[in-house]
Amino acid sequence: MTVVLKLGGSVITEKSEPETVAEDVIDRAAAAIAETDDELVVVHGGGSFGHHHADRHGVSTTDGTRDAGAVTDVHDAMKRLNAAVVDRFQDHGVAAVPVHPLSVASRDEEGTLTLPSGGIATMLDEGFVPVLHGDVVVHASTGATILSGDELVADLAESLDADRVGLCSAVPGVLDESDEVIARIDRFDDVAAVLGGSDATDVTGGMAGKVRTLLALSAPAVIFGVDDLPSFLAGSSPGTVVAGESTDDH
C-alpha cells in the first residue's frame, strides 16, 4: 500500500518562533513511521522556516520573484528544516532521504505543476522513504513562486496512485463552530462557513485550501492531529475524512 503523509509545518516547528524545530514532535512522528510496513512518501510544510522568509520577500503561490537572493533565502530555510526531519527519522531507523522540489519541479505559465515522480517511485521500490517539502519553484513568466506542501501531496497522490493520504495537523481534524471535529466532508460548500486561514504567517493558505485540494483527489484523505498519527499509519481514519465525488474505492 502506498501512503502519502503530510506533516504540517505548525506540527513540526514552533510556528510563531522563526526557525525553531519541535524536536519532540518529530521524534514521535519518526517513531510511528518506523513501525509501518507501507510504502510511505512524506511531505512537510514550512512552519517557522520557509513562511517567514517568503512573507518577507513578498513571494507566495501566485506572486513570484526573480530575485535569486529571495529564492535562496526561502529554499535554504526549507533545506535546513528538511535536514532536521531527515536526520531525526534516520535516528529512529527510518530509511529517509531528502528530495528538494526546487531542483526537480516547475510551473508553466498557467501555474500547472510538473513534478517528475519516476525517481520517487524508484526510491519507494528500493525501500527508501522520500521526504519532500514546501519550496520555491521556477514558474514560467513569473520567476519563482511558492509550492505548498499541500499541492505536493495532491500531485504525488495522483502520480503515485496512492491508496491513502494523510494530513497530520496541529488540530485533531477540521473543526466546526463549536470546535468539534467534523467526521466527514464530501462537499466544500457544506463546511465553507467554518473554514478560515492560519493564525500564524502562512503564504500557502489555511484549512480551506487543504480541504479544497483533498476533495479533488481520487484517494481518500484524512486530516488528523499528531496524537492520531500511529492510528492513521495502522490503517484507521481518525479526525476528518475528506472524500469528494472523485474518490474511488482505493
C-alpha atoms as a PDB file:
ATOM      1  CA  MET A   1       0.000   0.000   0.000  1.00  0.00           C
ATOM      2  CA  THR A   2       1.277   3.451  -0.930  1.00  0.00           C
ATOM      3  CA  VAL A   3       0.623   6.263   1.536  1.00  0.00           C
ATOM      4  CA  VAL A   4       1.345   9.962   1.129  1.00  0.00           C
ATOM      5  CA  LEU A   5       1.717  11.678   4.506  1.00  0.00           C
ATOM      6  CA  LYS A   6       1.893  15.419   5.108  1.00  0.00           C
ATOM      7  CA  LEU A   7       3.405  16.677   8.358  1.00  0.00           C
ATOM      8  CA  GLY A   8       2.136  20.206   8.812  1.00  0.00           C
ATOM      9  CA  GLY A   9       4.644  22.980   9.387  1.00  0.00           C
ATOM     10  CA  SER A  10       2.767  24.014  12.517  1.00  0.00           C
ATOM     11  CA  VAL A  11       3.212  20.449  13.817  1.00  0.00           C
ATOM     12  CA  ILE A  12       6.957  20.012  13.350  1.00  0.00           C
ATOM     13  CA  THR A  13       8.023  23.601  14.153  1.00  0.00           C
ATOM     14  CA  GLU A  14       7.189  26.257  16.678  1.00  0.00           C
ATOM     15  CA  LYS A  15       5.434  28.300  14.025  1.00  0.00           C
ATOM     16  CA  SER A  16       5.450  31.593  15.941  1.00  0.00           C
ATOM     17  CA  GLU A  17       9.218  31.354  16.602  1.00  0.00           C
ATOM     18  CA  PRO A  18      11.415  31.710  13.478  1.00  0.00           C
ATOM     19  CA  GLU A  19      13.355  28.564  12.588  1.00  0.00           C
ATOM     20  CA  THR A  20      12.509  26.592  15.704  1.00  0.00           C
ATOM     21  CA  VAL A  21      12.094  22.822  15.347  1.00  0.00           C
ATOM     22  CA  ALA A  22       9.638  20.894  17.529  1.00  0.00           C
ATOM     23  CA  GLU A  23      12.087  18.059  18.105  1.00  0.00           C
ATOM     24  CA  ASP A  24       9.851  16.047  20.417  1.00  0.00           C
ATOM     25  CA  VAL A  25       7.039  16.016  17.855  1.00  0.00           C
ATOM     26  CA  ILE A  26       9.357  14.977  15.028  1.00  0.00           C
ATOM     27  CA  ASP A  27      10.683  12.184  17.234  1.00  0.00           C
ATOM     28  CA  ARG A  28       7.132  10.977  17.940  1.00  0.00           C
ATOM     29  CA  ALA A  29       6.319  11.057  14.240  1.00  0.00           C
ATOM     30  CA  ALA A  30       9.528   9.214  13.375  1.00  0.00           C
ATOM     31  CA  ALA A  31       8.806   6.508  15.927  1.00  0.00           C
ATOM     32  CA  ALA A  32       5.330   5.963  14.464  1.00  0.00           C
ATOM     33  CA  ILE A  33       6.612   5.944  10.874  1.00  0.00           C
ATOM     34  CA  ALA A  34       9.282   3.396  11.798  1.00  0.00           C
ATOM     35  CA  GLU A  35       6.502   0.931  12.660  1.00  0.00           C
ATOM     36  CA  THR A  36       4.694   0.977   9.308  1.00  0.00           C
ATOM     37  CA  ASP A  37       5.284  -1.516   6.516  1.00  0.00           C
ATOM     38  CA  ASP A  38       3.568   0.624   3.880  1.00  0.00           C
ATOM     39  CA  GLU A  39       5.391   2.419   1.095  1.00  0.00           C
ATOM     40  CA  LEU A  40       5.463   5.913   2.513  1.00  0.00           C
ATOM     41  CA  VAL A  41       6.151   9.309   0.981  1.00  0.00           C
ATOM     42  CA  VAL A  42       6.455  12.147   3.490  1.00  0.00           C
ATOM     43  CA  VAL A  43       5.890  15.822   2.708  1.00  0.00           C
ATOM     44  CA  HIS A  44       6.384  18.504   5.333  1.00  0.00           C
ATOM     45  CA  GLY A  45       5.335  22.115   5.495  1.00  0.00           C
ATOM     46  CA  GLY A  46       7.423  25.207   6.113  1.00  0.00           C
ATOM     47  CA  GLY A  47       6.233  26.304   9.533  1.00  0.00           C
ATOM     48  CA  SER A  48       8.563  28.821  11.117  1.00  0.00           C
ATOM     49  CA  PHE A  49      11.254  28.198   8.478  1.00  0.00           C
ATOM     50  CA  GLY A  50      10.031  28.933   4.954  1.00  0.00           C
ATOM     51  CA  HIS A  51       6.951  31.061   5.566  1.00  0.00           C
ATOM     52  CA  HIS A  52       8.703  33.949   7.305  1.00  0.00           C
ATOM     53  CA  HIS A  53      11.261  34.278   4.516  1.00  0.00           C
ATOM     54  CA  ALA A  54       8.607  34.027   1.807  1.00  0.00           C
ATOM     55  CA  ASP A  55       6.466  36.639   3.530  1.00  0.00           C
ATOM     56  CA  ARG A  56       9.441  38.990   3.914  1.00  0.00           C
ATOM     57  CA  HIS A  57      10.216  38.752   0.208  1.00  0.00           C
ATOM     58  CA  GLY A  58       6.578  39.004  -0.880  1.00  0.00           C
ATOM     59  CA  VAL A  59       6.588  35.591  -2.533  1.00  0.00           C
ATOM     60  CA  SER A  60       3.513  33.375  -2.500  1.00  0.00           C
ATOM     61  CA  THR A  61       1.891  30.642  -4.569  1.00  0.00           C
ATOM     62  CA  THR A  62       0.861  33.324  -7.087  1.00  0.00           C
ATOM     63  CA  ASP A  63       3.237  36.271  -6.518  1.00  0.00           C
ATOM     64  CA  GLY A  64       6.635  35.495  -7.970  1.00  0.00           C
ATOM     65  CA  THR A  65      10.158  36.846  -7.717  1.00  0.00           C
ATOM     66  CA  ARG A  66      13.194  36.964  -9.977  1.00  0.00           C
ATOM     67  CA  ASP A  67      15.454  37.862  -7.060  1.00  0.00           C
ATOM     68  CA  ALA A  68      17.909  34.972  -6.743  1.00  0.00           C
ATOM     69  CA  GLY A  69      18.645  36.009  -3.172  1.00  0.00           C
ATOM     70  CA  ALA A  70      14.980  35.688  -2.233  1.00  0.00           C
ATOM     71  CA  VAL A  71      14.783  32.250  -3.836  1.00  0.00           C
ATOM     72  CA  THR A  72      17.881  31.159  -1.959  1.00  0.00           C
ATOM     73  CA  ASP A  73      16.604  32.505   1.377  1.00  0.00           C
ATOM     74  CA  VAL A  74      13.379  30.532   1.189  1.00  0.00           C
ATOM     75  CA  HIS A  75      14.955  27.378  -0.242  1.00  0.00           C
ATOM     76  CA  ASP A  76      17.856  27.311   2.228  1.00  0.00           C
ATOM     77  CA  ALA A  77      15.461  27.684   5.153  1.00  0.00           C
ATOM     78  CA  MET A  78      13.426  24.744   3.900  1.00  0.00           C
ATOM     79  CA  LYS A  79      16.561  22.679   3.339  1.00  0.00           C
ATOM     80  CA  ARG A  80      17.545  23.282   6.975  1.00  0.00           C
ATOM     81  CA  LEU A  81      14.172  22.071   8.177  1.00  0.00           C
ATOM     82  CA  ASN A  82      14.214  19.116   5.808  1.00  0.00           C
ATOM     83  CA  ALA A  83      17.666  18.101   7.037  1.00  0.00           C
ATOM     84  CA  ALA A  84      16.435  18.197  10.627  1.00  0.00           C
ATOM     85  CA  VAL A  85      13.455  15.986   9.757  1.00  0.00           C
ATOM     86  CA  VAL A  86      15.515  13.500   7.735  1.00  0.00           C
ATOM     87  CA  ASP A  87      18.173  13.276  10.460  1.00  0.00           C
ATOM     88  CA  ARG A  88      15.605  12.564  13.196  1.00  0.00           C
ATOM     89  CA  PHE A  89      13.879   9.987  11.007  1.00  0.00           C
ATOM     90  CA  GLN A  90      17.143   8.190  10.324  1.00  0.00           C
ATOM     91  CA  ASP A  91      17.911   8.213  14.056  1.00  0.00           C
ATOM     92  CA  HIS A  92      14.724   6.161  14.502  1.00  0.00           C
ATOM     93  CA  GLY A  93      15.648   3.672  11.783  1.00  0.00           C
ATOM     94  CA  VAL A  94      13.534   5.201   9.016  1.00  0.00           C
ATOM     95  CA  ALA A  95      15.241   4.990   5.594  1.00  0.00           C
ATOM     96  CA  ALA A  96      14.505   8.658   4.916  1.00  0.00           C
ATOM     97  CA  VAL A  97      16.106  10.510   2.007  1.00  0.00           C
ATOM     98  CA  PRO A  98      15.674  14.193   1.073  1.00  0.00           C
ATOM     99  CA  VAL A  99      14.015  15.385  -2.131  1.00  0.00           C
ATOM    100  CA  HIS A 100      14.165  19.140  -2.838  1.00  0.00           C
ATOM    101  CA  PRO A 101      11.390  20.326  -5.188  1.00  0.00           C
ATOM    102  CA  LEU A 102      13.313  23.378  -6.455  1.00  0.00           C
ATOM    103  CA  SER A 103      15.693  21.010  -8.228  1.00  0.00           C
ATOM    104  CA  VAL A 104      13.045  18.877  -9.933  1.00  0.00           C
ATOM    105  CA  ALA A 105       9.705  20.725 -10.159  1.00  0.00           C
ATOM    106  CA  SER A 106       8.440  23.652 -12.242  1.00  0.00           C
ATOM    107  CA  ARG A 107       5.264  25.506 -13.189  1.00  0.00           C
ATOM    108  CA  ASP A 108       4.137  26.535 -16.654  1.00  0.00           C
ATOM    109  CA  GLU A 109       2.627  29.948 -17.432  1.00  0.00           C
ATOM    110  CA  GLU A 110      -0.803  28.786 -16.253  1.00  0.00           C
ATOM    111  CA  GLY A 111       0.689  27.680 -12.941  1.00  0.00           C
ATOM    112  CA  THR A 112       0.329  23.975 -13.611  1.00  0.00           C
ATOM    113  CA  LEU A 113       2.883  21.960 -11.661  1.00  0.00           C
ATOM    114  CA  THR A 114       5.240  19.463 -13.265  1.00  0.00           C
ATOM    115  CA  LEU A 115       6.900  17.135 -10.763  1.00  0.00           C
ATOM    116  CA  PRO A 116       8.532  14.056 -12.300  1.00  0.00           C
ATOM    117  CA  SER A 117       7.679  11.184  -9.976  1.00  0.00           C
ATOM    118  CA  GLY A 118       9.717   8.392 -11.567  1.00  0.00           C
ATOM    119  CA  GLY A 119      12.657   8.880  -9.240  1.00  0.00           C
ATOM    120  CA  ILE A 120      10.373   8.979  -6.202  1.00  0.00           C
ATOM    121  CA  ALA A 121       8.662   5.771  -7.311  1.00  0.00           C
ATOM    122  CA  THR A 122      12.076   4.113  -7.648  1.00  0.00           C
ATOM    123  CA  MET A 123      13.017   5.296  -4.159  1.00  0.00           C
ATOM    124  CA  LEU A 124       9.899   3.547  -2.845  1.00  0.00           C
ATOM    125  CA  ASP A 125      10.728   0.389  -4.788  1.00  0.00           C
ATOM    126  CA  GLU A 126      14.183   0.367  -3.217  1.00  0.00           C
ATOM    127  CA  GLY A 127      12.846   0.703   0.317  1.00  0.00           C
ATOM    128  CA  PHE A 128      13.536   4.407   0.892  1.00  0.00           C
ATOM    129  CA  VAL A 129      11.177   6.961   2.415  1.00  0.00           C
ATOM    130  CA  PRO A 130      11.326  10.110   0.246  1.00  0.00           C
ATOM    131  CA  VAL A 131      10.915  13.271   2.309  1.00  0.00           C
ATOM    132  CA  LEU A 132       9.816  16.313   0.305  1.00  0.00           C
ATOM    133  CA  HIS A 133       8.924  19.794   1.489  1.00  0.00           C
ATOM    134  CA  GLY A 134       7.212  23.002   0.522  1.00  0.00           C
ATOM    135  CA  ASP A 135       9.648  25.055  -1.531  1.00  0.00           C
ATOM    136  CA  VAL A 136      10.143  27.714  -4.182  1.00  0.00           C
ATOM    137  CA  VAL A 137       9.949  26.502  -7.783  1.00  0.00           C
ATOM    138  CA  VAL A 138      10.615  28.156 -11.108  1.00  0.00           C
ATOM    139  CA  HIS A 139       7.448  29.475 -12.703  1.00  0.00           C
ATOM    140  CA  ALA A 140       7.317  30.356 -16.402  1.00  0.00           C
ATOM    141  CA  SER A 141       6.897  34.126 -16.995  1.00  0.00           C
ATOM    142  CA  THR A 142       6.761  34.717 -13.212  1.00  0.00           C
ATOM    143  CA  GLY A 143      10.235  33.911 -11.915  1.00  0.00           C
ATOM    144  CA  ALA A 144       9.768  31.681  -8.887  1.00  0.00           C
ATOM    145  CA  THR A 145       6.726  31.070  -6.721  1.00  0.00           C
ATOM    146  CA  ILE A 146       5.920  29.030  -3.631  1.00  0.00           C
ATOM    147  CA  LEU A 147       4.987  25.381  -3.989  1.00  0.00           C
ATOM    148  CA  SER A 148       2.984  24.389  -0.933  1.00  0.00           C
ATOM    149  CA  GLY A 149       3.246  21.044   0.775  1.00  0.00           C
ATOM    150  CA  ASP A 150      -0.468  20.509   0.187  1.00  0.00           C
ATOM    151  CA  GLU A 151      -0.020  20.878  -3.572  1.00  0.00           C
ATOM    152  CA  LEU A 152       2.860  18.420  -3.436  1.00  0.00           C
ATOM    153  CA  VAL A 153       0.676  15.947  -1.570  1.00  0.00           C
ATOM    154  CA  ALA A 154      -2.051  16.222  -4.184  1.00  0.00           C
ATOM    155  CA  ASP A 155       0.350  15.804  -7.098  1.00  0.00           C
ATOM    156  CA  LEU A 156       2.142  12.838  -5.539  1.00  0.00           C
ATOM    157  CA  ALA A 157      -1.092  11.126  -4.539  1.00  0.00           C
ATOM    158  CA  GLU A 158      -2.229  11.150  -8.153  1.00  0.00           C
ATOM    159  CA  SER A 159       1.084  10.388  -9.872  1.00  0.00           C
ATOM    160  CA  LEU A 160       1.934   7.535  -7.500  1.00  0.00           C
ATOM    161  CA  ASP A 161      -1.662   6.233  -7.424  1.00  0.00           C
ATOM    162  CA  ALA A 162      -1.630   6.420  -3.624  1.00  0.00           C
ATOM    163  CA  ASP A 163      -4.018   4.240  -1.655  1.00  0.00           C
ATOM    164  CA  ARG A 164      -4.327   6.685   1.249  1.00  0.00           C
ATOM    165  CA  VAL A 165      -3.464  10.299   2.012  1.00  0.00           C
ATOM    166  CA  GLY A 166      -2.994  11.768   5.476  1.00  0.00           C
ATOM    167  CA  LEU A 167      -2.511  15.319   6.686  1.00  0.00           C
ATOM    168  CA  CYS A 168      -1.124  15.480  10.208  1.00  0.00           C
ATOM    169  CA  SER A 169      -2.250  18.843  11.539  1.00  0.00           C
ATOM    170  CA  ALA A 170      -1.947  20.975  14.671  1.00  0.00           C
ATOM    171  CA  VAL A 171      -5.656  20.305  15.288  1.00  0.00           C
ATOM    172  CA  PRO A 172      -7.401  16.907  15.576  1.00  0.00           C
ATOM    173  CA  GLY A 173      -9.318  17.434  12.348  1.00  0.00           C
ATOM    174  CA  VAL A 174     -11.497  20.030  10.657  1.00  0.00           C
ATOM    175  CA  LEU A 175     -13.423  21.793  13.403  1.00  0.00           C
ATOM    176  CA  ASP A 176     -16.971  23.138  13.333  1.00  0.00           C
ATOM    177  CA  GLU A 177     -18.321  26.282  15.037  1.00  0.00           C
ATOM    178  CA  SER A 178     -18.188  24.521  18.410  1.00  0.00           C
ATOM    179  CA  ASP A 179     -14.626  23.292  17.910  1.00  0.00           C
ATOM    180  CA  GLU A 180     -15.879  19.762  17.445  1.00  0.00           C
ATOM    181  CA  VAL A 181     -14.250  17.549  14.831  1.00  0.00           C
ATOM    182  CA  ILE A 182     -16.262  17.163  11.629  1.00  0.00           C
ATOM    183  CA  ALA A 183     -16.199  13.430  10.918  1.00  0.00           C
ATOM    184  CA  ARG A 184     -16.544  13.609   7.133  1.00  0.00           C
ATOM    185  CA  ILE A 185     -16.528  16.215   4.359  1.00  0.00           C
ATOM    186  CA  ASP A 186     -17.935  15.395   0.928  1.00  0.00           C
ATOM    187  CA  ARG A 187     -18.580  18.904  -0.421  1.00  0.00           C
ATOM    188  CA  PHE A 188     -16.743  22.165   0.222  1.00  0.00           C
ATOM    189  CA  ASP A 189     -19.950  24.179   0.433  1.00  0.00           C
ATOM    190  CA  ASP A 190     -21.007  22.143   3.465  1.00  0.00           C
ATOM    191  CA  VAL A 191     -18.097  23.493   5.538  1.00  0.00           C
ATOM    192  CA  ALA A 192     -17.167  26.757   3.808  1.00  0.00           C
ATOM    193  CA  ALA A 193     -18.643  28.884   6.602  1.00  0.00           C
ATOM    194  CA  VAL A 194     -16.395  27.394   9.292  1.00  0.00           C
ATOM    195  CA  LEU A 195     -13.118  27.270   7.375  1.00  0.00           C
ATOM    196  CA  GLY A 196     -10.596  30.068   7.803  1.00  0.00           C
ATOM    197  CA  GLY A 197      -6.903  30.807   7.321  1.00  0.00           C
ATOM    198  CA  SER A 198      -3.906  30.096   9.519  1.00  0.00           C
ATOM    199  CA  ASP A 199      -3.286  32.124  12.686  1.00  0.00           C
ATOM    200  CA  ALA A 200       0.447  32.335  12.057  1.00  0.00           C
ATOM    201  CA  THR A 201       2.285  33.614   8.982  1.00  0.00           C
ATOM    202  CA  ASP A 202       1.374  31.285   6.132  1.00  0.00           C
ATOM    203  CA  VAL A 203       1.712  32.190   2.459  1.00  0.00           C
ATOM    204  CA  THR A 204       0.094  28.980   1.208  1.00  0.00           C
ATOM    205  CA  GLY A 205      -3.432  29.264   2.630  1.00  0.00           C
ATOM    206  CA  GLY A 206      -5.173  27.691   5.608  1.00  0.00           C
ATOM    207  CA  MET A 207      -7.579  24.824   6.199  1.00  0.00           C
ATOM    208  CA  ALA A 208      -9.917  25.924   3.414  1.00  0.00           C
ATOM    209  CA  GLY A 209      -7.190  25.389   0.834  1.00  0.00           C
ATOM    210  CA  LYS A 210      -6.362  21.966   2.269  1.00  0.00           C
ATOM    211  CA  VAL A 211      -9.958  20.793   2.082  1.00  0.00           C
ATOM    212  CA  ARG A 212     -10.409  22.039  -1.496  1.00  0.00           C
ATOM    213  CA  THR A 213      -7.236  20.237  -2.550  1.00  0.00           C
ATOM    214  CA  LEU A 214      -8.149  16.964  -0.850  1.00  0.00           C
ATOM    215  CA  LEU A 215     -11.683  16.916  -2.241  1.00  0.00           C
ATOM    216  CA  ALA A 216     -10.213  16.750  -5.752  1.00  0.00           C
ATOM    217  CA  LEU A 217      -8.180  13.599  -5.073  1.00  0.00           C
ATOM    218  CA  SER A 218      -9.120  10.116  -6.194  1.00  0.00           C
ATOM    219  CA  ALA A 219      -7.698   8.599  -2.992  1.00  0.00           C
ATOM    220  CA  PRO A 220      -9.414   9.008   0.390  1.00  0.00           C
ATOM    221  CA  ALA A 221      -7.748  11.569   2.634  1.00  0.00           C
ATOM    222  CA  VAL A 222      -7.753  12.110   6.378  1.00  0.00           C
ATOM    223  CA  ILE A 223      -6.924  15.230   8.415  1.00  0.00           C
ATOM    224  CA  PHE A 224      -5.903  14.414  11.982  1.00  0.00           C
ATOM    225  CA  GLY A 225      -3.791  15.545  14.934  1.00  0.00           C
ATOM    226  CA  VAL A 226      -0.308  14.316  15.768  1.00  0.00           C
ATOM    227  CA  ASP A 227      -1.602  12.113  18.584  1.00  0.00           C
ATOM    228  CA  ASP A 228      -3.518  10.106  15.978  1.00  0.00           C
ATOM    229  CA  LEU A 229      -0.577   9.537  13.625  1.00  0.00           C
ATOM    230  CA  PRO A 230       0.070   5.963  14.873  1.00  0.00           C
ATOM    231  CA  SER A 231      -3.620   5.174  14.390  1.00  0.00           C
ATOM    232  CA  PHE A 232      -3.629   6.547  10.836  1.00  0.00           C
ATOM    233  CA  LEU A 233      -0.495   4.615   9.906  1.00  0.00           C
ATOM    234  CA  ALA A 234      -2.104   1.469  11.317  1.00  0.00           C
ATOM    235  CA  GLY A 235      -4.968   1.864   8.838  1.00  0.00           C
ATOM    236  CA  SER A 236      -7.594   3.775  10.828  1.00  0.00           C
ATOM    237  CA  SER A 237      -9.206   7.066   9.804  1.00  0.00           C
ATOM    238  CA  PRO A 238      -9.088   9.353  12.846  1.00  0.00           C
ATOM    239  CA  GLY A 239     -10.058  13.008  12.628  1.00  0.00           C
ATOM    240  CA  THR A 240     -11.847  14.168   9.461  1.00  0.00           C
ATOM    241  CA  VAL A 241     -12.247  12.058   6.337  1.00  0.00           C
ATOM    242  CA  VAL A 242     -12.251  14.203   3.181  1.00  0.00           C
ATOM    243  CA  ALA A 243     -13.682  12.332   0.223  1.00  0.00           C
ATOM    244  CA  GLY A 244     -15.041  14.156  -2.808  1.00  0.00           C
ATOM    245  CA  GLU A 245     -17.034  12.773  -5.707  1.00  0.00           C
ATOM    246  CA  SER A 246     -13.837  11.705  -7.491  1.00  0.00           C
ATOM    247  CA  THR A 247     -12.774   9.448  -4.621  1.00  0.00           C
ATOM    248  CA  ASP A 248     -12.876   5.806  -5.590  1.00  0.00           C
ATOM    249  CA  ASP A 249     -12.603   2.626  -3.541  1.00  0.00           C
ATOM    250  CA  HIS A 250      -8.830   2.618  -3.115  1.00  0.00           C
END
